[in-house]
Amino acid sequence: MEQQRNIRPLALGLTILSGLARLLPHPPNFTPVGGMSLFAGARLAGWYAYLVPLAMMAVTDFLLAAIKGVPVSRVSPFVYASFLINVWIGRKLLARSENPIRIGSAAFLCSLQFFLVTNFAVWLSSSFYPHTPAGLAECFTAAIPFFGRTLAGDLAATAVLFGAHSWLSRRVARTERVSLQTA
């Protein structure tokens, strides 16, 4: 019975749907994945919080490679690690919160750490920028336009996921209400 309580079908379904939304056409870096991983950390119990976003990334990476020829790069492990950090942020900061300011702030933090981690990885793993402090600064500067789209995608996905869960957990899946969680 305890195992069944940990599944949380509403949160799981919203997480999976947002992961699959990555396959829809979108501007570069405007994806629901950052918000999905933050939401999973806040609303999925136990190891599901970490496993589901990783599984969704792996499945959609495979599909994007098969359908659109999008290759996996040397930066991919850093991308996955960054999304695991988002899960951790969700678990630590949002597990018992429905406060929009707190949720939005966490989404901003997730976007910022994604920007820092993945662009450091680009600088580290490529020969496009010199491996000097100036080259790192150049890499981060060139990535600023992508940060805006990442932030917009993360904020949009976070608002939709947390808003939908809040509303649906009050009307349909009452056992998933945040105030009733023990995690």
Protein backbone atom coordinates (compact mmCIF):
# COMPACT_ATOMS: atom_id res chain seq x y z
CA MET A 1 0.00 0.00 0.00
CA GLU A 2 2.83 2.42 0.82
CA GLN A 3 4.32 1.88 -2.65
CA GLN A 4 0.98 2.75 -4.25
CA ARG A 5 0.76 6.04 -2.30
CA ASN A 6 4.13 7.07 -3.69
CA ILE A 7 3.03 6.85 -7.31
CA ARG A 8 0.89 10.05 -7.41
CA PRO A 9 -0.77 9.49 -10.81
CA LEU A 10 -1.68 13.14 -11.43
CA ALA A 11 1.87 14.42 -10.90
CA LEU A 12 3.29 11.50 -12.86
CA GLY A 13 0.93 12.12 -15.78
CA LEU A 14 1.69 15.83 -15.88
CA THR A 15 5.42 15.10 -15.79
CA ILE A 16 5.19 12.61 -18.66
CA LEU A 17 3.01 14.92 -20.77
CA SER A 18 5.41 17.81 -20.31
CA GLY A 19 8.35 15.58 -21.22
CA LEU A 20 6.60 14.50 -24.42
CA ALA A 21 5.88 18.16 -25.23
CA ARG A 22 9.60 18.43 -25.93
CA LEU A 23 8.86 16.68 -29.23
CA LEU A 24 6.57 19.51 -30.40
CA PRO A 25 8.06 22.26 -32.59
CA HIS A 26 9.51 25.04 -30.44
CA PRO A 27 12.06 27.86 -30.56
CA PRO A 28 15.59 26.88 -29.47
CA ASN A 29 15.82 26.35 -25.69
CA PHE A 30 12.10 27.05 -25.17
CA THR A 31 11.19 23.63 -23.81
CA PRO A 32 9.24 22.34 -20.81
CA VAL A 33 12.11 20.16 -19.56
CA GLY A 34 13.47 22.54 -16.91
CA GLY A 35 10.00 23.13 -15.50
CA MET A 36 9.23 19.41 -15.77
CA SER A 37 12.25 18.44 -13.70
CA LEU A 38 11.55 21.14 -11.09
CA PHE A 39 7.91 19.98 -10.89
CA ALA A 40 8.93 16.31 -10.64
CA GLY A 41 11.22 17.15 -7.73
CA ALA A 42 8.46 19.00 -5.93
CA ARG A 43 5.55 16.65 -6.60
CA LEU A 44 6.82 13.12 -7.27
CA ALA A 45 7.77 10.95 -4.34
CA GLY A 46 11.04 9.14 -3.73
CA TRP A 47 13.14 7.92 -6.59
CA TYR A 48 10.34 8.66 -9.10
CA ALA A 49 11.30 12.34 -8.84
CA TYR A 50 14.72 11.61 -10.32
CA LEU A 51 13.93 8.66 -12.56
CA VAL A 52 10.96 10.04 -14.50
CA PRO A 53 12.67 13.22 -15.82
CA LEU A 54 15.78 11.21 -16.75
CA ALA A 55 13.64 8.59 -18.51
CA MET A 56 11.71 11.29 -20.37
CA MET A 57 14.96 12.92 -21.49
CA ALA A 58 16.39 9.58 -22.66
CA VAL A 59 13.21 8.61 -24.54
CA THR A 60 12.79 12.01 -26.18
CA ASP A 61 16.52 12.24 -27.01
CA PHE A 62 16.21 8.87 -28.77
CA LEU A 63 13.07 10.01 -30.63
CA LEU A 64 14.59 13.35 -31.61
CA ALA A 65 17.65 11.54 -32.94
CA ALA A 66 15.49 9.08 -34.92
CA ILE A 67 13.00 11.63 -36.25
CA LYS A 68 15.04 14.80 -36.69
CA GLY A 69 18.63 13.55 -36.61
CA VAL A 70 19.43 15.54 -33.48
CA PRO A 71 22.67 14.05 -32.16
CA VAL A 72 23.62 13.45 -28.56
CA SER A 73 26.61 15.65 -27.79
CA ARG A 74 29.46 15.68 -25.32
CA VAL A 75 27.46 18.27 -23.39
CA SER A 76 24.52 15.87 -22.88
CA PRO A 77 25.75 14.46 -19.54
CA PHE A 78 25.92 18.01 -18.20
CA VAL A 79 22.40 18.70 -19.46
CA TYR A 80 21.11 15.60 -17.66
CA ALA A 81 23.02 16.56 -14.50
CA SER A 82 21.54 20.04 -14.66
CA PHE A 83 18.02 18.63 -14.78
CA LEU A 84 18.83 16.43 -11.77
CA ILE A 85 19.85 19.63 -9.96
CA ASN A 86 16.41 21.02 -10.86
CA VAL A 87 14.80 17.95 -9.28
CA TRP A 88 16.87 18.51 -6.14
CA ILE A 89 15.84 22.20 -6.05
CA GLY A 90 12.19 21.16 -6.35
CA ARG A 91 12.54 18.64 -3.52
CA LYS A 92 14.32 21.07 -1.21
CA LEU A 93 12.40 24.28 -1.92
CA LEU A 94 8.94 23.38 -3.22
CA ALA A 95 7.76 20.04 -1.81
CA ARG A 96 5.29 21.77 0.51
CA SER A 97 4.77 25.04 -1.33
CA GLU A 98 2.21 26.43 -3.72
CA ASN A 99 3.49 29.98 -3.31
CA PRO A 100 3.79 31.49 -6.83
CA ILE A 101 6.70 33.76 -5.85
CA ARG A 102 8.63 30.85 -4.35
CA ILE A 103 7.88 28.64 -7.37
CA GLY A 104 8.83 31.37 -9.85
CA SER A 105 12.04 32.08 -7.94
CA ALA A 106 12.94 28.38 -8.00
CA ALA A 107 12.27 28.29 -11.76
CA PHE A 108 14.60 31.27 -12.22
CA LEU A 109 17.27 29.53 -10.13
CA CYS A 110 16.88 26.41 -12.29
CA SER A 111 17.28 28.41 -15.49
CA LEU A 112 20.35 30.15 -14.13
CA GLN A 113 22.08 26.97 -13.01
CA PHE A 114 21.23 25.33 -16.38
CA PHE A 115 22.82 28.30 -18.16
CA LEU A 116 25.96 28.12 -16.01
CA VAL A 117 26.39 24.33 -16.07
CA THR A 118 25.68 23.74 -19.75
CA ASN A 119 27.65 26.68 -21.07
CA PHE A 120 30.60 25.76 -18.90
CA ALA A 121 30.32 22.30 -20.50
CA VAL A 122 30.26 23.83 -23.99
CA TRP A 123 33.39 25.82 -23.19
CA LEU A 124 35.08 22.80 -21.59
CA SER A 125 34.28 20.24 -24.27
CA SER A 126 34.70 22.22 -27.48
CA SER A 127 37.46 23.99 -29.30
CA PHE A 128 35.12 26.79 -30.32
CA TYR A 129 36.26 28.98 -27.42
CA PRO A 130 39.80 29.25 -26.03
CA HIS A 131 40.24 27.46 -22.71
CA THR A 132 41.01 30.66 -20.87
CA PRO A 133 38.98 32.89 -18.55
CA ALA A 134 38.39 35.21 -21.51
CA GLY A 135 37.17 32.27 -23.60
CA LEU A 136 34.78 31.23 -20.83
CA ALA A 137 33.45 34.80 -20.62
CA GLU A 138 33.03 34.82 -24.40
CA CYS A 139 31.11 31.54 -24.25
CA PHE A 140 28.76 32.84 -21.55
CA THR A 141 28.27 36.13 -23.41
CA ALA A 142 27.40 34.36 -26.66
CA ALA A 143 24.83 32.22 -24.80
CA ILE A 144 22.88 35.12 -23.25
CA PRO A 145 20.16 35.12 -25.96
CA PHE A 146 19.54 31.44 -25.26
CA PHE A 147 19.15 32.17 -21.55
CA GLY A 148 16.10 34.33 -22.25
CA ARG A 149 14.39 31.50 -24.13
CA THR A 150 15.38 28.97 -21.45
CA LEU A 151 13.98 31.21 -18.74
CA ALA A 152 10.76 31.83 -20.67
CA GLY A 153 10.29 28.10 -21.31
CA ASP A 154 11.03 27.20 -17.70
CA LEU A 155 8.68 29.85 -16.32
CA ALA A 156 5.89 28.87 -18.73
CA ALA A 157 6.20 25.14 -18.06
CA THR A 158 6.49 25.72 -14.32
CA ALA A 159 3.38 27.90 -14.27
CA VAL A 160 1.36 25.37 -16.28
CA LEU A 161 2.52 22.32 -14.32
CA PHE A 162 2.24 23.74 -10.81
CA GLY A 163 -0.99 25.57 -11.68
CA ALA A 164 -2.61 22.51 -13.25
CA HIS A 165 -1.53 20.30 -10.37
CA SER A 166 -2.81 22.76 -7.78
CA TRP A 167 -6.18 23.07 -9.49
CA LEU A 168 -6.62 19.37 -10.32
CA SER A 169 -5.46 18.20 -6.89
CA ARG A 170 -8.26 20.23 -5.35
CA ARG A 171 -10.95 18.96 -7.71
CA VAL A 172 -9.97 15.53 -9.05
CA ALA A 173 -7.00 13.98 -7.26
CA ARG A 174 -7.49 15.22 -3.71
CA THR A 175 -4.97 12.74 -2.30
CA GLU A 176 -2.22 14.66 -4.10
CA ARG A 177 -2.93 18.01 -2.46
CA VAL A 178 0.28 19.59 -1.27
CA SER A 179 -1.02 20.12 2.26
CA LEU A 180 -1.68 16.38 2.56
CA GLN A 181 1.79 15.25 1.41
CA THR A 182 4.17 13.64 3.84
CA ALA A 183 7.26 13.92 1.59
